[in-house]
Amino acid sequence: SAFTQTYINIPITLNQDEVDAAEASF
């Protein structure tokens, strides 16, 4: 089991305001 890796695909919707606030952050 140490040689396996799990991937989870979850759709996430991002708002433009959240992305702009994240880019403005240091």
PDB file of all heavy atoms in Angstrom:
ATOM      1  N   SER A   1       0.820  -1.210   0.000  1.00  0.00           N
ATOM      2  CA  SER A   1       0.000   0.000   0.000  1.00  0.00           C
ATOM      3  C   SER A   1       0.857   1.266   0.000  1.00  0.00           C
ATOM      4  O   SER A   1       0.373   2.337  -0.362  1.00  0.00           O
ATOM      5  CB  SER A   1      -0.938  -0.006   1.204  1.00  0.00           C
ATOM      6  OG  SER A   1      -0.187   0.008   2.408  1.00  0.00           O
ATOM      7  N   ALA A   2       2.124   1.156   0.366  1.00  0.00           N
ATOM      8  CA  ALA A   2       3.009   2.320   0.344  1.00  0.00           C
ATOM      9  C   ALA A   2       3.354   2.740  -1.080  1.00  0.00           C
ATOM     10  O   ALA A   2       3.775   3.872  -1.309  1.00  0.00           O
ATOM     11  CB  ALA A   2       4.287   2.024   1.113  1.00  0.00           C
ATOM     12  N   PHE A   3       3.160   1.851  -2.038  1.00  0.00           N
ATOM     13  CA  PHE A   3       3.497   2.152  -3.418  1.00  0.00           C
ATOM     14  C   PHE A   3       2.293   2.574  -4.247  1.00  0.00           C
ATOM     15  O   PHE A   3       2.388   2.672  -5.464  1.00  0.00           O
ATOM     16  CB  PHE A   3       4.167   0.934  -4.066  1.00  0.00           C
ATOM     17  CG  PHE A   3       5.457   0.563  -3.400  1.00  0.00           C
ATOM     18  CD1 PHE A   3       5.527  -0.568  -2.614  1.00  0.00           C
ATOM     19  CD2 PHE A   3       6.581   1.347  -3.543  1.00  0.00           C
ATOM     20  CE1 PHE A   3       6.710  -0.924  -1.994  1.00  0.00           C
ATOM     21  CE2 PHE A   3       7.765   1.009  -2.929  1.00  0.00           C
ATOM     22  CZ  PHE A   3       7.832  -0.132  -2.146  1.00  0.00           C
ATOM     23  N   THR A   4       1.175   2.806  -3.613  1.00  0.00           N
ATOM     24  CA  THR A   4      -0.012   3.247  -4.332  1.00  0.00           C
ATOM     25  C   THR A   4      -0.292   4.714  -4.011  1.00  0.00           C
ATOM     26  O   THR A   4       0.146   5.231  -2.986  1.00  0.00           O
ATOM     27  CB  THR A   4      -1.241   2.401  -3.967  1.00  0.00           C
ATOM     28  OG1 THR A   4      -1.490   2.520  -2.572  1.00  0.00           O
ATOM     29  CG2 THR A   4      -1.026   0.942  -4.316  1.00  0.00           C
ATOM     30  N   GLN A   5      -1.013   5.354  -4.891  1.00  0.00           N
ATOM     31  CA  GLN A   5      -1.358   6.753  -4.693  1.00  0.00           C
ATOM     32  C   GLN A   5      -2.814   6.929  -5.102  1.00  0.00           C
ATOM     33  O   GLN A   5      -3.270   6.335  -6.079  1.00  0.00           O
ATOM     34  CB  GLN A   5      -0.447   7.636  -5.547  1.00  0.00           C
ATOM     35  CG  GLN A   5      -0.533   9.095  -5.228  1.00  0.00           C
ATOM     36  CD  GLN A   5       0.553   9.876  -5.966  1.00  0.00           C
ATOM     37  OE1 GLN A   5       1.246   9.353  -6.821  1.00  0.00           O
ATOM     38  NE2 GLN A   5       0.678  11.142  -5.626  1.00  0.00           N
ATOM     39  N   THR A   6      -3.520   7.736  -4.345  1.00  0.00           N
ATOM     40  CA  THR A   6      -4.941   7.937  -4.604  1.00  0.00           C
ATOM     41  C   THR A   6      -5.164   9.359  -5.113  1.00  0.00           C
ATOM     42  O   THR A   6      -4.630  10.321  -4.569  1.00  0.00           O
ATOM     43  CB  THR A   6      -5.752   7.731  -3.302  1.00  0.00           C
ATOM     44  OG1 THR A   6      -5.470   6.435  -2.800  1.00  0.00           O
ATOM     45  CG2 THR A   6      -7.228   7.871  -3.559  1.00  0.00           C
ATOM     46  N   TYR A   7      -5.952   9.454  -6.165  1.00  0.00           N
ATOM     47  CA  TYR A   7      -6.333  10.748  -6.710  1.00  0.00           C
ATOM     48  C   TYR A   7      -7.842  10.887  -6.588  1.00  0.00           C
ATOM     49  O   TYR A   7      -8.583   9.960  -6.871  1.00  0.00           O
ATOM     50  CB  TYR A   7      -5.950  10.854  -8.195  1.00  0.00           C
ATOM     51  CG  TYR A   7      -4.466  10.884  -8.431  1.00  0.00           C
ATOM     52  CD1 TYR A   7      -3.780   9.722  -8.754  1.00  0.00           C
ATOM     53  CD2 TYR A   7      -3.753  12.067  -8.332  1.00  0.00           C
ATOM     54  CE1 TYR A   7      -2.414   9.737  -8.980  1.00  0.00           C
ATOM     55  CE2 TYR A   7      -2.396  12.101  -8.557  1.00  0.00           C
ATOM     56  CZ  TYR A   7      -1.722  10.930  -8.875  1.00  0.00           C
ATOM     57  OH  TYR A   7      -0.387  10.959  -9.102  1.00  0.00           O
ATOM     58  N   ILE A   8      -8.275  12.067  -6.170  1.00  0.00           N
ATOM     59  CA  ILE A   8      -9.705  12.359  -6.065  1.00  0.00           C
ATOM     60  C   ILE A   8      -9.983  13.595  -6.909  1.00  0.00           C
ATOM     61  O   ILE A   8      -9.363  14.640  -6.713  1.00  0.00           O
ATOM     62  CB  ILE A   8     -10.118  12.608  -4.598  1.00  0.00           C
ATOM     63  CG1 ILE A   8      -9.813  11.388  -3.740  1.00  0.00           C
ATOM     64  CG2 ILE A   8     -11.585  12.971  -4.516  1.00  0.00           C
ATOM     65  CD1 ILE A   8     -10.041  11.608  -2.258  1.00  0.00           C
ATOM     66  N   ASN A   9     -10.880  13.446  -7.842  1.00  0.00           N
ATOM     67  CA  ASN A   9     -11.280  14.588  -8.674  1.00  0.00           C
ATOM     68  C   ASN A   9     -12.604  15.134  -8.152  1.00  0.00           C
ATOM     69  O   ASN A   9     -13.618  14.445  -8.161  1.00  0.00           O
ATOM     70  CB  ASN A   9     -11.443  14.158 -10.135  1.00  0.00           C
ATOM     71  CG  ASN A   9     -10.120  13.778 -10.759  1.00  0.00           C
ATOM     72  OD1 ASN A   9      -9.104  14.378 -10.463  1.00  0.00           O
ATOM     73  ND2 ASN A   9     -10.155  12.772 -11.624  1.00  0.00           N
ATOM     74  N   ILE A  10     -12.564  16.379  -7.690  1.00  0.00           N
ATOM     75  CA  ILE A  10     -13.757  17.034  -7.161  1.00  0.00           C
ATOM     76  C   ILE A  10     -13.920  18.365  -7.886  1.00  0.00           C
ATOM     77  O   ILE A  10     -13.005  19.193  -7.894  1.00  0.00           O
ATOM     78  CB  ILE A  10     -13.629  17.284  -5.634  1.00  0.00           C
ATOM     79  CG1 ILE A  10     -13.446  15.963  -4.908  1.00  0.00           C
ATOM     80  CG2 ILE A  10     -14.848  18.032  -5.115  1.00  0.00           C
ATOM     81  CD1 ILE A  10     -13.159  16.114  -3.439  1.00  0.00           C
ATOM     82  N   PRO A  11     -15.064  18.572  -8.516  1.00  0.00           N
ATOM     83  CA  PRO A  11     -15.268  19.861  -9.191  1.00  0.00           C
ATOM     84  C   PRO A  11     -15.475  20.978  -8.163  1.00  0.00           C
ATOM     85  O   PRO A  11     -16.271  20.854  -7.238  1.00  0.00           O
ATOM     86  CB  PRO A  11     -16.522  19.625 -10.036  1.00  0.00           C
ATOM     87  CG  PRO A  11     -17.227  18.497  -9.371  1.00  0.00           C
ATOM     88  CD  PRO A  11     -16.177  17.660  -8.706  1.00  0.00           C
ATOM     89  N   ILE A  12     -14.720  22.047  -8.315  1.00  0.00           N
ATOM     90  CA  ILE A  12     -14.828  23.198  -7.415  1.00  0.00           C
ATOM     91  C   ILE A  12     -15.106  24.433  -8.272  1.00  0.00           C
ATOM     92  O   ILE A  12     -14.410  24.701  -9.256  1.00  0.00           O
ATOM     93  CB  ILE A  12     -13.532  23.405  -6.603  1.00  0.00           C
ATOM     94  CG1 ILE A  12     -13.290  22.203  -5.700  1.00  0.00           C
ATOM     95  CG2 ILE A  12     -13.599  24.679  -5.790  1.00  0.00           C
ATOM     96  CD1 ILE A  12     -11.994  22.264  -4.940  1.00  0.00           C
ATOM     97  N   THR A  13     -16.114  25.168  -7.876  1.00  0.00           N
ATOM     98  CA  THR A  13     -16.468  26.401  -8.581  1.00  0.00           C
ATOM     99  C   THR A  13     -15.819  27.573  -7.862  1.00  0.00           C
ATOM    100  O   THR A  13     -15.983  27.750  -6.655  1.00  0.00           O
ATOM    101  CB  THR A  13     -17.992  26.589  -8.608  1.00  0.00           C
ATOM    102  OG1 THR A  13     -18.583  25.403  -9.143  1.00  0.00           O
ATOM    103  CG2 THR A  13     -18.375  27.777  -9.450  1.00  0.00           C
ATOM    104  N   LEU A  14     -15.064  28.356  -8.607  1.00  0.00           N
ATOM    105  CA  LEU A  14     -14.399  29.523  -8.032  1.00  0.00           C
ATOM    106  C   LEU A  14     -15.105  30.790  -8.501  1.00  0.00           C
ATOM    107  O   LEU A  14     -15.401  30.955  -9.676  1.00  0.00           O
ATOM    108  CB  LEU A  14     -12.932  29.571  -8.468  1.00  0.00           C
ATOM    109  CG  LEU A  14     -12.054  28.404  -8.031  1.00  0.00           C
ATOM    110  CD1 LEU A  14     -10.662  28.549  -8.623  1.00  0.00           C
ATOM    111  CD2 LEU A  14     -11.966  28.355  -6.518  1.00  0.00           C
ATOM    112  N   ASN A  15     -15.356  31.686  -7.563  1.00  0.00           N
ATOM    113  CA  ASN A  15     -15.934  32.999  -7.893  1.00  0.00           C
ATOM    114  C   ASN A  15     -14.805  33.954  -8.277  1.00  0.00           C
ATOM    115  O   ASN A  15     -13.690  33.862  -7.769  1.00  0.00           O
ATOM    116  CB  ASN A  15     -16.710  33.568  -6.705  1.00  0.00           C
ATOM    117  CG  ASN A  15     -17.897  32.702  -6.343  1.00  0.00           C
ATOM    118  OD1 ASN A  15     -18.439  32.012  -7.196  1.00  0.00           O
ATOM    119  ND2 ASN A  15     -18.295  32.753  -5.085  1.00  0.00           N
ATOM    120  N   GLN A  16     -15.103  34.863  -9.124  1.00  0.00           N
ATOM    121  CA  GLN A  16     -14.097  35.827  -9.569  1.00  0.00           C
ATOM    122  C   GLN A  16     -13.582  36.663  -8.401  1.00  0.00           C
ATOM    123  O   GLN A  16     -12.396  36.961  -8.336  1.00  0.00           O
ATOM    124  CB  GLN A  16     -14.687  36.744 -10.660  1.00  0.00           C
ATOM    125  CG  GLN A  16     -13.691  37.708 -11.262  1.00  0.00           C
ATOM    126  CD  GLN A  16     -12.597  36.993 -12.046  1.00  0.00           C
ATOM    127  OE1 GLN A  16     -12.837  35.970 -12.660  1.00  0.00           O
ATOM    128  NE2 GLN A  16     -11.404  37.547 -12.007  1.00  0.00           N
ATOM    129  N   ASP A  17     -14.445  37.003  -7.460  1.00  0.00           N
ATOM    130  CA  ASP A  17     -14.036  37.820  -6.310  1.00  0.00           C
ATOM    131  C   ASP A  17     -13.022  37.068  -5.446  1.00  0.00           C
ATOM    132  O   ASP A  17     -12.052  37.656  -4.961  1.00  0.00           O
ATOM    133  CB  ASP A  17     -15.261  38.196  -5.461  1.00  0.00           C
ATOM    134  CG  ASP A  17     -16.248  39.070  -6.236  1.00  0.00           C
ATOM    135  OD1 ASP A  17     -15.785  39.769  -7.166  1.00  0.00           O
ATOM    136  OD2 ASP A  17     -17.444  39.027  -5.909  1.00  0.00           O
ATOM    137  N   GLU A  18     -13.250  35.762  -5.263  1.00  0.00           N
ATOM    138  CA  GLU A  18     -12.309  34.967  -4.442  1.00  0.00           C
ATOM    139  C   GLU A  18     -10.943  34.867  -5.115  1.00  0.00           C
ATOM    140  O   GLU A  18      -9.903  34.943  -4.460  1.00  0.00           O
ATOM    141  CB  GLU A  18     -12.877  33.564  -4.190  1.00  0.00           C
ATOM    142  CG  GLU A  18     -14.108  33.540  -3.302  1.00  0.00           C
ATOM    143  CD  GLU A  18     -14.685  32.143  -3.173  1.00  0.00           C
ATOM    144  OE1 GLU A  18     -14.418  31.295  -4.054  1.00  0.00           O
ATOM    145  OE2 GLU A  18     -15.395  31.897  -2.196  1.00  0.00           O
ATOM    146  N   VAL A  19     -10.936  34.676  -6.441  1.00  0.00           N
ATOM    147  CA  VAL A  19      -9.674  34.550  -7.171  1.00  0.00           C
ATOM    148  C   VAL A  19      -8.925  35.872  -7.136  1.00  0.00           C
ATOM    149  O   VAL A  19      -7.707  35.907  -6.922  1.00  0.00           O
ATOM    150  CB  VAL A  19      -9.933  34.092  -8.620  1.00  0.00           C
ATOM    151  CG1 VAL A  19      -8.645  34.120  -9.439  1.00  0.00           C
ATOM    152  CG2 VAL A  19     -10.553  32.706  -8.640  1.00  0.00           C
ATOM    153  N   ASP A  20      -9.624  36.998  -7.324  1.00  0.00           N
ATOM    154  CA  ASP A  20      -8.977  38.315  -7.276  1.00  0.00           C
ATOM    155  C   ASP A  20      -8.400  38.586  -5.903  1.00  0.00           C
ATOM    156  O   ASP A  20      -7.300  39.122  -5.775  1.00  0.00           O
ATOM    157  CB  ASP A  20      -9.970  39.422  -7.651  1.00  0.00           C
ATOM    158  CG  ASP A  20     -10.344  39.382  -9.130  1.00  0.00           C
ATOM    159  OD1 ASP A  20      -9.563  38.792  -9.909  1.00  0.00           O
ATOM    160  OD2 ASP A  20     -11.402  39.926  -9.487  1.00  0.00           O
ATOM    161  N   ALA A  21      -9.126  38.184  -4.866  1.00  0.00           N
ATOM    162  CA  ALA A  21      -8.627  38.398  -3.504  1.00  0.00           C
ATOM    163  C   ALA A  21      -7.407  37.527  -3.248  1.00  0.00           C
ATOM    164  O   ALA A  21      -6.465  37.942  -2.562  1.00  0.00           O
ATOM    165  CB  ALA A  21      -9.726  38.082  -2.487  1.00  0.00           C
ATOM    166  N   ALA A  22      -7.382  36.307  -3.828  1.00  0.00           N
ATOM    167  CA  ALA A  22      -6.242  35.413  -3.640  1.00  0.00           C
ATOM    168  C   ALA A  22      -5.015  35.938  -4.373  1.00  0.00           C
ATOM    169  O   ALA A  22      -3.897  35.847  -3.882  1.00  0.00           O
ATOM    170  CB  ALA A  22      -6.594  34.003  -4.136  1.00  0.00           C
ATOM    171  N   GLU A  23      -5.206  36.512  -5.555  1.00  0.00           N
ATOM    172  CA  GLU A  23      -4.075  37.043  -6.319  1.00  0.00           C
ATOM    173  C   GLU A  23      -3.524  38.297  -5.685  1.00  0.00           C
ATOM    174  O   GLU A  23      -2.347  38.598  -5.820  1.00  0.00           O
ATOM    175  CB  GLU A  23      -4.492  37.292  -7.762  1.00  0.00           C
ATOM    176  CG  GLU A  23      -4.713  36.007  -8.535  1.00  0.00           C
ATOM    177  CD  GLU A  23      -5.185  36.255  -9.952  1.00  0.00           C
ATOM    178  OE1 GLU A  23      -5.356  37.440 -10.329  1.00  0.00           O
ATOM    179  OE2 GLU A  23      -5.370  35.289 -10.667  1.00  0.00           O
ATOM    180  N   ALA A  24      -4.349  39.049  -4.993  1.00  0.00           N
ATOM    181  CA  ALA A  24      -3.888  40.267  -4.338  1.00  0.00           C
ATOM    182  C   ALA A  24      -3.103  39.939  -3.071  1.00  0.00           C
ATOM    183  O   ALA A  24      -2.288  40.737  -2.623  1.00  0.00           O
ATOM    184  CB  ALA A  24      -5.081  41.153  -3.988  1.00  0.00           C
ATOM    185  N   SER A  25      -3.317  38.761  -2.538  1.00  0.00           N
ATOM    186  CA  SER A  25      -2.642  38.343  -1.308  1.00  0.00           C
ATOM    187  C   SER A  25      -1.162  38.063  -1.598  1.00  0.00           C
ATOM    188  O   SER A  25      -0.786  37.644  -2.688  1.00  0.00           O
ATOM    189  CB  SER A  25      -3.344  37.107  -0.746  1.00  0.00           C
ATOM    190  OG  SER A  25      -2.510  36.422   0.131  1.00  0.00           O
ATOM    191  N   PHE A  26      -0.305  38.299  -0.624  1.00  0.00           N
ATOM    192  CA  PHE A  26       1.132  38.076  -0.785  1.00  0.00           C
ATOM    193  C   PHE A  26       1.445  36.583  -0.889  1.00  0.00           C
ATOM    194  O   PHE A  26       2.243  36.170  -1.717  1.00  0.00           O
ATOM    195  CB  PHE A  26       1.894  38.723   0.387  1.00  0.00           C
ATOM    196  CG  PHE A  26       3.379  38.536   0.303  1.00  0.00           C
ATOM    197  CD1 PHE A  26       4.128  39.266  -0.615  1.00  0.00           C
ATOM    198  CD2 PHE A  26       4.020  37.635   1.114  1.00  0.00           C
ATOM    199  CE1 PHE A  26       5.485  39.098  -0.712  1.00  0.00           C
ATOM    200  CE2 PHE A  26       5.387  37.475   1.018  1.00  0.00           C
ATOM    201  CZ  PHE A  26       6.122  38.204   0.109  1.00  0.00           C
TER     202      PHE A  26
END
